Amino acid sequence: MSDHEFNFDELVESVREAIDINKGIKKPSRSFKYEEIDVVAIRKATHLSQEKFAALIGVSIKTVQGWEQKVRKPLGPARSLLIMFRNNPSQAMALLHQ
C-alpha cells in the first residue's frame, strides 16, 4: 500500500466520522465553546458608528452588522481584537491610532 492510498483511506474514514457526528450517531472527540461577544456593547463603548468602527478594525460594515445581529460570529484575529476592545476600549483605540 502506498502512502497516497493510506492517506486517502484516513480521509475517507474522517469524512465518515464527521457524517456520524453531524447526524448525532457519534460524539466528537473534542469540542470548543467560545463565550458570546457583545459586539454592540463593544462598539458603543468606542462611541463610533458601525461604519467608523468597521473601518477602524479593518472589516466591512456588513461584517460588523452581521456580528451585531448575531447572524455571524467573530472568529480568529477579529475575535481577539474585539476582546481587546471589550477589556480596554480606550487603550485598544490608542494602539490602533499609533
Foldseek 3Di string as FASTA:
>chain_A
DDPVVVVVVVVVVVVVVVVCCVVVNDPDPDDDDDDQQQLVVLVVVLVDDLCVVCVLVVHHSVVSVCSNVVVDGDDDPVVVLSVVSVVPVVVSSVVSVD
